[in-house]
Amino acid sequence: MNSIIDNLPERGKSLLDYITNFYAKNKYGPTFGEILNDLGWSTKSLIDYWVQQLEQRGLVERVPHHPRSLKPTQLALGG
């Protein structure tokens, strides 16, 4: 596996796995509300924090202020 992913805290790994699987299944990204419900996290600000952490590591990308623009990068997919 990728060392960037290996060094992520568990919460970051679970979010990345969720985003990757959701995108593979649906061909579009999840909303924060879907992440909140499906992962059982407490707040959207917590999701935003971890999305930012994944973005900084180059594992996800998104278009700000656009719903469903969250998607895994090639780095996250092992490429």
PDB file of N, CA and C in Angstrom:
ATOM      1  N   MET A   1       0.847  -1.186   0.000  1.00  0.00           N
ATOM      2  CA  MET A   1       0.000   0.000   0.000  1.00  0.00           C
ATOM      3  C   MET A   1       0.890   1.246   0.000  1.00  0.00           C
ATOM      4  N   ASN A   2       0.324   2.352  -0.282  1.00  0.00           N
ATOM      5  CA  ASN A   2       1.011   3.630  -0.351  1.00  0.00           C
ATOM      6  C   ASN A   2       1.388   4.109   1.053  1.00  0.00           C
ATOM      7  N   SER A   3       2.648   4.564   1.238  1.00  0.00           N
ATOM      8  CA  SER A   3       3.082   4.997   2.568  1.00  0.00           C
ATOM      9  C   SER A   3       2.314   6.217   3.060  1.00  0.00           C
ATOM     10  N   ILE A   4       1.855   7.076   2.144  1.00  0.00           N
ATOM     11  CA  ILE A   4       1.042   8.229   2.555  1.00  0.00           C
ATOM     12  C   ILE A   4      -0.250   7.733   3.204  1.00  0.00           C
ATOM     13  N   ILE A   5      -0.843   6.738   2.612  1.00  0.00           N
ATOM     14  CA  ILE A   5      -2.079   6.172   3.161  1.00  0.00           C
ATOM     15  C   ILE A   5      -1.787   5.395   4.439  1.00  0.00           C
ATOM     16  N   ASP A   6      -0.687   4.640   4.444  1.00  0.00           N
ATOM     17  CA  ASP A   6      -0.321   3.865   5.634  1.00  0.00           C
ATOM     18  C   ASP A   6      -0.137   4.756   6.861  1.00  0.00           C
ATOM     19  N   ASN A   7       0.347   5.976   6.656  1.00  0.00           N
ATOM     20  CA  ASN A   7       0.620   6.886   7.767  1.00  0.00           C
ATOM     21  C   ASN A   7      -0.584   7.718   8.197  1.00  0.00           C
ATOM     22  N   LEU A   8      -1.718   7.531   7.540  1.00  0.00           N
ATOM     23  CA  LEU A   8      -2.934   8.258   7.938  1.00  0.00           C
ATOM     24  C   LEU A   8      -3.488   7.691   9.240  1.00  0.00           C
ATOM     25  N   PRO A   9      -4.016   8.544  10.089  1.00  0.00           N
ATOM     26  CA  PRO A   9      -4.753   8.037  11.247  1.00  0.00           C
ATOM     27  C   PRO A   9      -5.980   7.248  10.779  1.00  0.00           C
ATOM     28  N   GLU A  10      -6.503   6.429  11.640  1.00  0.00           N
ATOM     29  CA  GLU A  10      -7.622   5.540  11.283  1.00  0.00           C
ATOM     30  C   GLU A  10      -8.818   6.300  10.709  1.00  0.00           C
ATOM     31  N   ARG A  11      -9.119   7.448  11.268  1.00  0.00           N
ATOM     32  CA  ARG A  11     -10.265   8.217  10.787  1.00  0.00           C
ATOM     33  C   ARG A  11     -10.038   8.677   9.342  1.00  0.00           C
ATOM     34  N   GLY A  12      -8.833   9.082   9.028  1.00  0.00           N
ATOM     35  CA  GLY A  12      -8.505   9.483   7.660  1.00  0.00           C
ATOM     36  C   GLY A  12      -8.602   8.316   6.691  1.00  0.00           C
ATOM     37  N   LYS A  13      -8.132   7.150   7.121  1.00  0.00           N
ATOM     38  CA  LYS A  13      -8.222   5.952   6.281  1.00  0.00           C
ATOM     39  C   LYS A  13      -9.674   5.563   6.024  1.00  0.00           C
ATOM     40  N   SER A  14     -10.487   5.632   7.065  1.00  0.00           N
ATOM     41  CA  SER A  14     -11.885   5.231   6.887  1.00  0.00           C
ATOM     42  C   SER A  14     -12.607   6.194   5.948  1.00  0.00           C
ATOM     43  N   LEU A  15     -12.312   7.486   6.051  1.00  0.00           N
ATOM     44  CA  LEU A  15     -12.926   8.453   5.147  1.00  0.00           C
ATOM     45  C   LEU A  15     -12.451   8.236   3.716  1.00  0.00           C
ATOM     46  N   LEU A  16     -11.170   8.023   3.528  1.00  0.00           N
ATOM     47  CA  LEU A  16     -10.638   7.783   2.191  1.00  0.00           C
ATOM     48  C   LEU A  16     -11.248   6.520   1.585  1.00  0.00           C
ATOM     49  N   ASP A  17     -11.344   5.454   2.349  1.00  0.00           N
ATOM     50  CA  ASP A  17     -11.972   4.219   1.864  1.00  0.00           C
ATOM     51  C   ASP A  17     -13.422   4.473   1.471  1.00  0.00           C
ATOM     52  N   TYR A  18     -14.132   5.218   2.299  1.00  0.00           N
ATOM     53  CA  TYR A  18     -15.533   5.514   2.007  1.00  0.00           C
ATOM     54  C   TYR A  18     -15.665   6.305   0.706  1.00  0.00           C
ATOM     55  N   ILE A  19     -14.871   7.357   0.562  1.00  0.00           N
ATOM     56  CA  ILE A  19     -14.928   8.193  -0.644  1.00  0.00           C
ATOM     57  C   ILE A  19     -14.578   7.367  -1.877  1.00  0.00           C
ATOM     58  N   THR A  20     -13.532   6.572  -1.780  1.00  0.00           N
ATOM     59  CA  THR A  20     -13.085   5.750  -2.906  1.00  0.00           C
ATOM     60  C   THR A  20     -14.165   4.747  -3.321  1.00  0.00           C
ATOM     61  N   ASN A  21     -14.732   4.057  -2.357  1.00  0.00           N
ATOM     62  CA  ASN A  21     -15.778   3.071  -2.658  1.00  0.00           C
ATOM     63  C   ASN A  21     -17.045   3.722  -3.188  1.00  0.00           C
ATOM     64  N   PHE A  22     -17.441   4.841  -2.595  1.00  0.00           N
ATOM     65  CA  PHE A  22     -18.635   5.552  -3.041  1.00  0.00           C
ATOM     66  C   PHE A  22     -18.452   6.021  -4.480  1.00  0.00           C
ATOM     67  N   TYR A  23     -17.295   6.593  -4.773  1.00  0.00           N
ATOM     68  CA  TYR A  23     -17.028   7.107  -6.124  1.00  0.00           C
ATOM     69  C   TYR A  23     -16.981   5.964  -7.147  1.00  0.00           C
ATOM     70  N   ALA A  24     -16.378   4.852  -6.780  1.00  0.00           N
ATOM     71  CA  ALA A  24     -16.302   3.697  -7.688  1.00  0.00           C
ATOM     72  C   ALA A  24     -17.698   3.160  -8.014  1.00  0.00           C
ATOM     73  N   LYS A  25     -18.562   3.154  -7.030  1.00  0.00           N
ATOM     74  CA  LYS A  25     -19.919   2.626  -7.208  1.00  0.00           C
ATOM     75  C   LYS A  25     -20.820   3.583  -7.977  1.00  0.00           C
ATOM     76  N   ASN A  26     -20.730   4.888  -7.669  1.00  0.00           N
ATOM     77  CA  ASN A  26     -21.690   5.859  -8.189  1.00  0.00           C
ATOM     78  C   ASN A  26     -21.175   6.764  -9.300  1.00  0.00           C
ATOM     79  N   LYS A  27     -19.858   6.826  -9.461  1.00  0.00           N
ATOM     80  CA  LYS A  27     -19.212   7.709 -10.459  1.00  0.00           C
ATOM     81  C   LYS A  27     -19.391   9.183 -10.133  1.00  0.00           C
ATOM     82  N   TYR A  28     -19.708   9.487  -8.881  1.00  0.00           N
ATOM     83  CA  TYR A  28     -19.726  10.851  -8.365  1.00  0.00           C
ATOM     84  C   TYR A  28     -19.433  10.753  -6.871  1.00  0.00           C
ATOM     85  N   GLY A  29     -19.047  11.872  -6.282  1.00  0.00           N
ATOM     86  CA  GLY A  29     -18.647  11.873  -4.879  1.00  0.00           C
ATOM     87  C   GLY A  29     -19.805  11.970  -3.915  1.00  0.00           C
ATOM     88  N   PRO A  30     -19.552  11.590  -2.673  1.00  0.00           N
ATOM     89  CA  PRO A  30     -20.582  11.698  -1.641  1.00  0.00           C
ATOM     90  C   PRO A  30     -20.723  13.132  -1.138  1.00  0.00           C
ATOM     91  N   THR A  31     -21.877  13.439  -0.611  1.00  0.00           N
ATOM     92  CA  THR A  31     -22.065  14.716   0.071  1.00  0.00           C
ATOM     93  C   THR A  31     -21.579  14.563   1.515  1.00  0.00           C
ATOM     94  N   PHE A  32     -21.374  15.692   2.176  1.00  0.00           N
ATOM     95  CA  PHE A  32     -20.987  15.629   3.583  1.00  0.00           C
ATOM     96  C   PHE A  32     -22.096  14.977   4.409  1.00  0.00           C
ATOM     97  N   GLY A  33     -23.348  15.224   4.032  1.00  0.00           N
ATOM     98  CA  GLY A  33     -24.464  14.607   4.736  1.00  0.00           C
ATOM     99  C   GLY A  33     -24.445  13.091   4.638  1.00  0.00           C
ATOM    100  N   GLU A  34     -24.114  12.574   3.469  1.00  0.00           N
ATOM    101  CA  GLU A  34     -24.017  11.116   3.299  1.00  0.00           C
ATOM    102  C   GLU A  34     -22.869  10.550   4.122  1.00  0.00           C
ATOM    103  N   ILE A  35     -21.741  11.254   4.117  1.00  0.00           N
ATOM    104  CA  ILE A  35     -20.604  10.806   4.926  1.00  0.00           C
ATOM    105  C   ILE A  35     -20.994  10.806   6.399  1.00  0.00           C
ATOM    106  N   LEU A  36     -21.630  11.873   6.831  1.00  0.00           N
ATOM    107  CA  LEU A  36     -22.071  12.008   8.221  1.00  0.00           C
ATOM    108  C   LEU A  36     -22.950  10.827   8.626  1.00  0.00           C
ATOM    109  N   ASN A  37     -23.936  10.524   7.806  1.00  0.00           N
ATOM    110  CA  ASN A  37     -24.862   9.426   8.114  1.00  0.00           C
ATOM    111  C   ASN A  37     -24.204   8.059   8.017  1.00  0.00           C
ATOM    112  N   ASP A  38     -23.467   7.829   6.935  1.00  0.00           N
ATOM    113  CA  ASP A  38     -22.929   6.489   6.690  1.00  0.00           C
ATOM    114  C   ASP A  38     -21.772   6.132   7.614  1.00  0.00           C
ATOM    115  N   LEU A  39     -20.941   7.107   7.975  1.00  0.00           N
ATOM    116  CA  LEU A  39     -19.823   6.816   8.868  1.00  0.00           C
ATOM    117  C   LEU A  39     -20.164   7.066  10.334  1.00  0.00           C
ATOM    118  N   GLY A  40     -21.304   7.726  10.571  1.00  0.00           N
ATOM    119  CA  GLY A  40     -21.728   7.978  11.944  1.00  0.00           C
ATOM    120  C   GLY A  40     -20.883   9.027  12.657  1.00  0.00           C
ATOM    121  N   TRP A  41     -20.295   9.931  11.893  1.00  0.00           N
ATOM    122  CA  TRP A  41     -19.489  10.992  12.498  1.00  0.00           C
ATOM    123  C   TRP A  41     -20.408  12.043  13.093  1.00  0.00           C
ATOM    124  N   SER A  42     -19.847  12.883  13.979  1.00  0.00           N
ATOM    125  CA  SER A  42     -20.681  13.786  14.753  1.00  0.00           C
ATOM    126  C   SER A  42     -21.018  15.113  14.068  1.00  0.00           C
ATOM    127  N   THR A  43     -20.098  15.669  13.281  1.00  0.00           N
ATOM    128  CA  THR A  43     -20.353  16.987  12.688  1.00  0.00           C
ATOM    129  C   THR A  43     -19.759  17.087  11.283  1.00  0.00           C
ATOM    130  N   LYS A  44     -20.313  18.004  10.493  1.00  0.00           N
ATOM    131  CA  LYS A  44     -19.776  18.254   9.156  1.00  0.00           C
ATOM    132  C   LYS A  44     -18.415  18.942   9.234  1.00  0.00           C
ATOM    133  N   SER A  45     -18.163  19.679  10.302  1.00  0.00           N
ATOM    134  CA  SER A  45     -16.856  20.326  10.436  1.00  0.00           C
ATOM    135  C   SER A  45     -15.753  19.286  10.634  1.00  0.00           C
ATOM    136  N   LEU A  46     -16.070  18.185  11.282  1.00  0.00           N
ATOM    137  CA  LEU A  46     -15.103  17.090  11.426  1.00  0.00           C
ATOM    138  C   LEU A  46     -14.805  16.475  10.057  1.00  0.00           C
ATOM    139  N   ILE A  47     -15.830  16.311   9.256  1.00  0.00           N
ATOM    140  CA  ILE A  47     -15.637  15.793   7.896  1.00  0.00           C
ATOM    141  C   ILE A  47     -14.786  16.769   7.091  1.00  0.00           C
ATOM    142  N   ASP A  48     -15.102  18.050   7.187  1.00  0.00           N
ATOM    143  CA  ASP A  48     -14.341  19.058   6.454  1.00  0.00           C
ATOM    144  C   ASP A  48     -12.872  19.025   6.857  1.00  0.00           C
ATOM    145  N   TYR A  49     -12.594  18.887   8.138  1.00  0.00           N
ATOM    146  CA  TYR A  49     -11.215  18.811   8.612  1.00  0.00           C
ATOM    147  C   TYR A  49     -10.484  17.642   7.943  1.00  0.00           C
ATOM    148  N   TRP A  50     -11.106  16.475   7.944  1.00  0.00           N
ATOM    149  CA  TRP A  50     -10.437  15.297   7.387  1.00  0.00           C
ATOM    150  C   TRP A  50     -10.358  15.342   5.865  1.00  0.00           C
ATOM    151  N   VAL A  51     -11.343  15.943   5.219  1.00  0.00           N
ATOM    152  CA  VAL A  51     -11.248  16.128   3.767  1.00  0.00           C
ATOM    153  C   VAL A  51     -10.056  17.033   3.453  1.00  0.00           C
ATOM    154  N   GLN A  52      -9.886  18.082   4.223  1.00  0.00           N
ATOM    155  CA  GLN A  52      -8.736  18.980   4.024  1.00  0.00           C
ATOM    156  C   GLN A  52      -7.419  18.234   4.231  1.00  0.00           C
ATOM    157  N   GLN A  53      -7.366  17.362   5.231  1.00  0.00           N
ATOM    158  CA  GLN A  53      -6.160  16.580   5.468  1.00  0.00           C
ATOM    159  C   GLN A  53      -5.858  15.669   4.271  1.00  0.00           C
ATOM    160  N   LEU A  54      -6.895  15.055   3.724  1.00  0.00           N
ATOM    161  CA  LEU A  54      -6.716  14.187   2.558  1.00  0.00           C
ATOM    162  C   LEU A  54      -6.318  14.994   1.327  1.00  0.00           C
ATOM    163  N   GLU A  55      -6.888  16.177   1.168  1.00  0.00           N
ATOM    164  CA  GLU A  55      -6.516  17.062   0.054  1.00  0.00           C
ATOM    165  C   GLU A  55      -5.049  17.470   0.157  1.00  0.00           C
ATOM    166  N   GLN A  56      -4.601  17.841   1.336  1.00  0.00           N
ATOM    167  CA  GLN A  56      -3.216  18.264   1.528  1.00  0.00           C
ATOM    168  C   GLN A  56      -2.233  17.147   1.204  1.00  0.00           C
ATOM    169  N   ARG A  57      -2.638  15.922   1.401  1.00  0.00           N
ATOM    170  CA  ARG A  57      -1.786  14.771   1.094  1.00  0.00           C
ATOM    171  C   ARG A  57      -1.917  14.322  -0.367  1.00  0.00           C
ATOM    172  N   GLY A  58      -2.807  14.996  -1.114  1.00  0.00           N
ATOM    173  CA  GLY A  58      -2.988  14.662  -2.521  1.00  0.00           C
ATOM    174  C   GLY A  58      -3.805  13.415  -2.771  1.00  0.00           C
ATOM    175  N   LEU A  59      -4.644  13.042  -1.804  1.00  0.00           N
ATOM    176  CA  LEU A  59      -5.418  11.806  -1.920  1.00  0.00           C
ATOM    177  C   LEU A  59      -6.839  12.014  -2.423  1.00  0.00           C
ATOM    178  N   VAL A  60      -7.377  13.205  -2.242  1.00  0.00           N
ATOM    179  CA  VAL A  60      -8.692  13.542  -2.786  1.00  0.00           C
ATOM    180  C   VAL A  60      -8.627  14.938  -3.388  1.00  0.00           C
ATOM    181  N   GLU A  61      -9.581  15.211  -4.246  1.00  0.00           N
ATOM    182  CA  GLU A  61      -9.715  16.552  -4.806  1.00  0.00           C
ATOM    183  C   GLU A  61     -11.193  16.887  -4.874  1.00  0.00           C
ATOM    184  N   ARG A  62     -11.465  18.187  -4.881  1.00  0.00           N
ATOM    185  CA  ARG A  62     -12.851  18.648  -4.968  1.00  0.00           C
ATOM    186  C   ARG A  62     -12.871  20.054  -5.532  1.00  0.00           C
ATOM    187  N   VAL A  63     -14.033  20.418  -6.038  1.00  0.00           N
ATOM    188  CA  VAL A  63     -14.275  21.776  -6.495  1.00  0.00           C
ATOM    189  C   VAL A  63     -15.041  22.456  -5.366  1.00  0.00           C
ATOM    190  N   PRO A  64     -14.472  23.504  -4.760  1.00  0.00           N
ATOM    191  CA  PRO A  64     -15.170  24.158  -3.648  1.00  0.00           C
ATOM    192  C   PRO A  64     -16.563  24.655  -4.046  1.00  0.00           C
ATOM    193  N   HIS A  65     -17.490  24.507  -3.133  1.00  0.00           N
ATOM    194  CA  HIS A  65     -18.871  24.986  -3.277  1.00  0.00           C
ATOM    195  C   HIS A  65     -19.661  24.241  -4.352  1.00  0.00           C
ATOM    196  N   HIS A  66     -19.198  23.056  -4.725  1.00  0.00           N
ATOM    197  CA  HIS A  66     -19.927  22.215  -5.675  1.00  0.00           C
ATOM    198  C   HIS A  66     -20.224  20.876  -5.004  1.00  0.00           C
ATOM    199  N   PRO A  67     -21.472  20.534  -4.898  1.00  0.00           N
ATOM    200  CA  PRO A  67     -21.803  19.244  -4.284  1.00  0.00           C
ATOM    201  C   PRO A  67     -21.331  18.088  -5.155  1.00  0.00           C
ATOM    202  N   ARG A  68     -20.960  17.022  -4.521  1.00  0.00           N
ATOM    203  CA  ARG A  68     -20.571  15.780  -5.190  1.00  0.00           C
ATOM    204  C   ARG A  68     -19.318  15.898  -6.058  1.00  0.00           C
ATOM    205  N   SER A  69     -18.471  16.880  -5.779  1.00  0.00           N
ATOM    206  CA  SER A  69     -17.242  17.017  -6.552  1.00  0.00           C
ATOM    207  C   SER A  69     -16.070  16.303  -5.882  1.00  0.00           C
ATOM    208  N   LEU A  70     -16.289  15.737  -4.705  1.00  0.00           N
ATOM    209  CA  LEU A  70     -15.242  15.057  -3.955  1.00  0.00           C
ATOM    210  C   LEU A  70     -14.923  13.726  -4.622  1.00  0.00           C
ATOM    211  N   LYS A  71     -13.626  13.520  -4.956  1.00  0.00           N
ATOM    212  CA  LYS A  71     -13.252  12.260  -5.588  1.00  0.00           C
ATOM    213  C   LYS A  71     -11.813  11.896  -5.241  1.00  0.00           C
ATOM    214  N   PRO A  72     -11.511  10.605  -5.274  1.00  0.00           N
ATOM    215  CA  PRO A  72     -10.139  10.173  -4.989  1.00  0.00           C
ATOM    216  C   PRO A  72      -9.219  10.517  -6.161  1.00  0.00           C
ATOM    217  N   THR A  73      -7.965  10.778  -5.853  1.00  0.00           N
ATOM    218  CA  THR A  73      -6.970  11.044  -6.896  1.00  0.00           C
ATOM    219  C   THR A  73      -6.330   9.729  -7.322  1.00  0.00           C
ATOM    220  N   GLN A  74      -5.524   9.797  -8.365  1.00  0.00           N
ATOM    221  CA  GLN A  74      -4.786   8.602  -8.812  1.00  0.00           C
ATOM    222  C   GLN A  74      -3.872   8.080  -7.703  1.00  0.00           C
ATOM    223  N   LEU A  75      -3.292   8.994  -6.925  1.00  0.00           N
ATOM    224  CA  LEU A  75      -2.433   8.588  -5.816  1.00  0.00           C
ATOM    225  C   LEU A  75      -3.204   7.714  -4.827  1.00  0.00           C
ATOM    226  N   ALA A  76      -4.442   8.089  -4.532  1.00  0.00           N
ATOM    227  CA  ALA A  76      -5.270   7.318  -3.610  1.00  0.00           C
ATOM    228  C   ALA A  76      -5.647   5.966  -4.190  1.00  0.00           C
ATOM    229  N   LEU A  77      -5.736   5.908  -5.491  1.00  0.00           N
ATOM    230  CA  LEU A  77      -6.132   4.664  -6.171  1.00  0.00           C
ATOM    231  C   LEU A  77      -4.941   3.761  -6.445  1.00  0.00           C
ATOM    232  N   GLY A  78      -3.770   4.200  -5.992  1.00  0.00           N
ATOM    233  CA  GLY A  78      -2.580   3.376  -6.153  1.00  0.00           C
ATOM    234  C   GLY A  78      -1.809   3.623  -7.414  1.00  0.00           C
ATOM    235  N   GLY A  79      -2.164   4.712  -8.126  1.00  0.00           N
ATOM    236  CA  GLY A  79      -1.513   4.995  -9.398  1.00  0.00           C
ATOM    237  C   GLY A  79      -0.433   5.994  -9.332  1.00  0.00           C
TER     238      GLY A  79
END
